[in-house]
Amino acid sequence: MSLLQLYFAEWRALLADKAIVVTLFGGVVFYSVLYPLPYLNQVPTEQTVVVVDHDNSSLSRKLIRHADASPKIQIVSHATNIDEAKHLIQQGHAHGLLVIPSGFRRNLMLGKGATLSYGGDASYFLIYSAVAEGLVEAGMDASKQVQLVGLLARGENPAMAQKSLSPVNLNAVPVFNPSLGYTPYVVPGLFLLILHQTLLIGTGILGAGQWRNKGYWLEVKPLKLLSVRLAMFTSLYLLFASFYIGYCFYAYQVSMLGSFIETVLLILPFLLATGAVGVALSCLFVRRDIPTQIYLLSSMPILFVAGFVWPTALIPEPLVVISQIIPAIPAMNAMLKLNQMGAGWSAILSHWIQLWGIFALACLLAWWGIKHRQSEAESINQ
């Protein structure tokens, strides 16, 4: 069988397998919509807050108006006590809580200071963050207004009084995530993880369904089968990667700072390494359902150990070291540096070399695994 005949035979085997077709084609398209969908609005705004005002003074009412004017906060109810406010939050009528203590205005006017209490539903981190930030900003704004009135009453120059309250003007400009949203932060790495996991599942199902059956895969040389199988899956996943990194990045407004050539040079060893690892691991399976179960369960640990969702300093170091043999780890970190952070090629060169190293090692293991499976099938047939 020639290389071209083997290549088309591999395609026929893939397209004839409904489980692989649904996993690869359906999974790639489905996940491209599923994961970013809840975060299309990027930044949470107008989060509902209930207020418990024990002071009921002109200053406390002014504070409530300032909070309601914040783009992050919407005051939806006034409760008489904290228990009532908690009940509203538990029922889903509000996501946050602001408690203004009694004597709030009097203590501020006397210069004693006052403590505002904030709370919120921490089940959703972005919502909780928006509530906390909005209430803190409103409280600080109210405090500055009181201090300004006190300084003016003591005869301070208005311009000098204003500067004494805000001696430093902070102009915060997000560099790597301009919208401060979830999508540009997580989706670029997550898309590579989807490509990684679905490619492993595809090679795993294909291999697991073949080793116990007769076919061309037992007749050709191991290196020939490995080369053609990698060529087939890589050509398919170059198309999937173009869909993710090309169309999806543009549709979800994810920054693309790397050049086309640099991105292709990074994606190619990633797909080859992942495919080689998938073929090597497929030699361990003889049941078609096992690869899907194992790889799906490993998805979240791989995402967290990559270090861009959860800091690697909080992950056991042996686990971080072991994870470096997973192609998705250097690929995700390199992609984020290249396209989201604008790093040069020298900054990701170590990740690129690491991917080629994984590819070489995986090819050796895959060649040995295919040879072992062919020898095993030959001994059984004899």
Foldseek 3Di string as FASTA:
>chain_A
DDLVVLLVVLVVLQVVDPVLCCLVVVVLVVVLCPVCVVFLVFAAWAFEEEEAEAAPDPLVVQLVVQLCPDRRHHYDYYDPDVVVRVVCVVVVVGFKYKYFHHCQVVCLLVVNHGDIDIGGDPPPVRNRVSRVVSSVVSVLVSSLVSQLVVCVVVPDDNVVSVCVSPVDDDDDQDQLCRSNGDCLQQVLLLSLLSLLLSLLLSLLLSLLQPLQDDDVLLVDALLSSLVSQLVNQLVVVVVSVCCCVPVSCVVSVHFFLADPVLLCLLVNLLSLLSNLLSLLVSLVHNDSVVSNVVSVVCSVVLSQLLDSVHHVVPPPPVVNVVSLLRSSSLSSVLRCCVGRVVDDPVVSVVSSVSSVVSSVVSNVSSSVSSVVSSVVNVVVVD
